[in-house]
Amino acid sequence: MATAKRWIVVADGRHARLYEQLRPGAALSQIESLDLTAEDEKEAAQRDRPPRAHDRFGEGRHAMDKGVSLHEEAEARFLARVTNHLEAQRSADKFDEIILIAPPRALGILRTSLSHALKEAVKGSMDLDLINETPEQLRTRLSDAGFR
């Protein structure tokens, strides 16, 4: 039986590193790197200011903000771009399974933006910020977490 092609996706709200592991326990090789660009941040910043509402009584006006900062919006757009990239790579049969590693907030955004097919390809996840770890450190952490 052939070994599944495994990708390890390590991300945070500004960076994503994609690694390939050719067989269980093997070394990781970085295959791609995606980063939040100035264009991503500029696009989020171009949003108009939140709409305003009048108080029922008096002269007060208040912003009707959704509670999402421009920084959070830029991160969500970036992580959606990462997900779209993964979908394109899955369609091209670049991998059979993936492991997601990201801090809790970024991992939540990634999970909610995954298509059904990508969700089926996810073989595990870790809610840790490991974007600055070396491939060898990542391999050790994966092994310690039970991902062979």
Protein backbone atom coordinates (compact mmCIF):
# COMPACT_ATOMS: atom_id res chain seq x y z
CA MET A 1 0.00 0.00 0.00
CA ALA A 2 1.32 3.43 -0.94
CA THR A 3 2.12 5.94 1.77
CA ALA A 4 -0.17 8.97 1.88
CA LYS A 5 1.35 12.29 0.86
CA ARG A 6 1.26 14.42 4.02
CA TRP A 7 1.49 18.18 4.27
CA ILE A 8 1.96 20.01 7.53
CA VAL A 9 0.51 23.52 7.57
CA VAL A 10 2.00 25.81 10.21
CA ALA A 11 0.30 29.20 10.35
CA ASP A 12 -0.54 32.22 12.40
CA GLY A 13 -2.48 35.32 11.36
CA ARG A 14 0.39 36.69 9.27
CA HIS A 15 2.46 33.75 8.00
CA ALA A 16 1.96 30.21 6.76
CA ARG A 17 4.62 27.59 6.12
CA LEU A 18 3.79 24.43 4.18
CA TYR A 19 5.92 21.36 4.77
CA GLU A 20 5.89 17.94 3.16
CA GLN A 21 6.64 14.70 4.96
CA LEU A 22 7.34 11.88 2.51
CA ARG A 23 6.84 9.05 5.00
CA PRO A 24 5.91 8.77 8.68
CA GLY A 25 8.71 10.02 10.92
CA ALA A 26 10.72 11.39 8.00
CA ALA A 27 12.27 14.84 7.92
CA LEU A 28 10.07 17.77 6.91
CA SER A 29 10.91 19.80 3.86
CA GLN A 30 9.44 23.27 3.44
CA ILE A 31 7.71 23.53 0.10
CA GLU A 32 6.00 26.92 0.31
CA SER A 33 5.69 30.04 2.39
CA LEU A 34 2.79 32.49 2.35
CA ASP A 35 2.80 35.83 4.14
CA LEU A 36 0.32 38.60 4.84
CA THR A 37 1.11 41.33 2.36
CA ALA A 38 0.79 45.08 2.52
CA GLU A 39 -2.03 44.68 -0.02
CA ASP A 40 -3.96 42.44 2.39
CA GLU A 41 -3.69 45.08 5.12
CA LYS A 42 -4.46 47.92 2.72
CA GLU A 43 -7.61 46.15 1.53
CA ALA A 44 -8.83 45.78 5.09
CA ALA A 45 -7.99 49.41 5.87
CA GLN A 46 -9.96 50.69 2.86
CA ARG A 47 -13.19 49.57 4.45
CA ASP A 48 -15.43 52.54 5.17
CA ARG A 49 -15.86 53.52 8.76
CA PRO A 50 -18.63 51.63 10.54
CA PRO A 51 -22.18 52.89 9.97
CA ARG A 52 -23.58 55.29 12.57
CA ALA A 53 -26.81 55.10 14.53
CA HIS A 54 -28.76 57.74 16.45
CA ASP A 55 -29.86 57.18 20.00
CA ARG A 56 -33.59 56.81 20.45
CA PHE A 57 -33.43 59.70 22.91
CA GLY A 58 -31.12 62.64 22.72
CA GLU A 59 -28.48 63.72 20.26
CA GLY A 60 -25.97 60.85 20.60
CA ARG A 61 -24.59 58.88 17.67
CA HIS A 62 -22.64 55.66 17.95
CA ALA A 63 -20.73 53.45 15.57
CA MET A 64 -22.35 50.12 14.80
CA ASP A 65 -19.14 48.11 14.71
CA LYS A 66 -19.11 44.32 14.39
CA GLY A 67 -16.35 44.18 16.99
CA VAL A 68 -13.69 43.18 14.44
CA SER A 69 -10.57 45.31 14.17
CA LEU A 70 -8.92 45.99 10.83
CA HIS A 71 -5.99 43.83 11.97
CA GLU A 72 -8.33 40.89 12.68
CA GLU A 73 -10.05 41.39 9.34
CA ALA A 74 -6.69 41.33 7.51
CA GLU A 75 -5.75 38.11 9.35
CA ALA A 76 -9.06 36.47 8.43
CA ARG A 77 -8.57 37.41 4.76
CA PHE A 78 -5.03 36.04 4.82
CA LEU A 79 -6.13 32.74 6.40
CA ALA A 80 -8.92 32.46 3.81
CA ARG A 81 -6.25 32.90 1.13
CA VAL A 82 -4.25 30.08 2.75
CA THR A 83 -7.34 27.86 2.71
CA ASN A 84 -8.02 28.68 -0.96
CA HIS A 85 -4.42 27.81 -1.78
CA LEU A 86 -4.74 24.49 0.04
CA GLU A 87 -7.94 23.74 -1.86
CA ALA A 88 -6.18 24.36 -5.19
CA GLN A 89 -3.28 22.12 -4.15
CA ARG A 90 -5.66 19.37 -3.01
CA SER A 91 -7.47 19.54 -6.35
CA ALA A 92 -4.10 19.09 -8.06
CA ASP A 93 -3.43 15.97 -5.91
CA LYS A 94 -0.39 17.53 -4.24
CA PHE A 95 -1.29 15.90 -0.89
CA ASP A 96 -3.59 13.27 0.57
CA GLU A 97 -3.68 14.45 4.16
CA ILE A 98 -2.79 17.54 6.14
CA ILE A 99 -2.01 18.44 9.72
CA LEU A 100 -2.86 21.96 10.83
CA ILE A 101 -0.75 23.77 13.42
CA ALA A 102 -1.76 27.27 14.47
CA PRO A 103 -2.58 29.35 17.55
CA PRO A 104 -6.17 28.81 18.74
CA ARG A 105 -7.70 31.87 17.05
CA ALA A 106 -6.02 31.24 13.69
CA LEU A 107 -6.78 27.52 13.89
CA GLY A 108 -10.46 28.32 14.45
CA ILE A 109 -10.54 30.59 11.40
CA LEU A 110 -8.81 27.95 9.28
CA ARG A 111 -11.19 25.21 10.41
CA THR A 112 -14.31 27.24 9.64
CA SER A 113 -13.09 28.13 6.15
CA LEU A 114 -12.18 24.57 5.10
CA SER A 115 -14.29 22.92 2.42
CA HIS A 116 -15.79 19.50 3.11
CA ALA A 117 -13.06 17.79 1.07
CA LEU A 118 -10.30 19.61 2.97
CA LYS A 119 -11.92 18.76 6.31
CA GLU A 120 -11.74 15.09 5.33
CA ALA A 121 -8.04 15.48 4.49
CA VAL A 122 -7.23 16.91 7.95
CA LYS A 123 -5.71 14.09 9.99
CA GLY A 124 -5.03 16.18 13.05
CA SER A 125 -4.29 19.60 14.44
CA MET A 126 -2.33 21.30 17.18
CA ASP A 127 -3.35 24.63 18.67
CA LEU A 128 0.14 26.02 19.19
CA ASP A 129 2.09 28.96 17.78
CA LEU A 130 5.00 27.17 16.11
CA ILE A 131 5.57 29.41 13.08
CA ASN A 132 9.20 30.11 14.10
CA GLU A 133 10.17 26.48 14.77
CA THR A 134 12.66 24.71 12.54
CA PRO A 135 11.56 21.71 10.48
CA GLU A 136 13.43 19.40 12.87
CA GLN A 137 11.70 20.92 15.91
CA LEU A 138 8.34 20.52 14.16
CA ARG A 139 9.08 16.88 13.32
CA THR A 140 9.92 16.22 16.98
CA ARG A 141 6.71 17.93 18.15
CA LEU A 142 4.64 15.94 15.66
CA SER A 143 6.22 12.72 16.81
CA ASP A 144 5.66 13.62 20.49
CA ALA A 145 1.99 14.39 19.69
CA GLY A 146 1.52 10.95 18.15
CA PHE A 147 1.63 11.88 14.46
CA ARG A 148 3.84 9.22 12.94
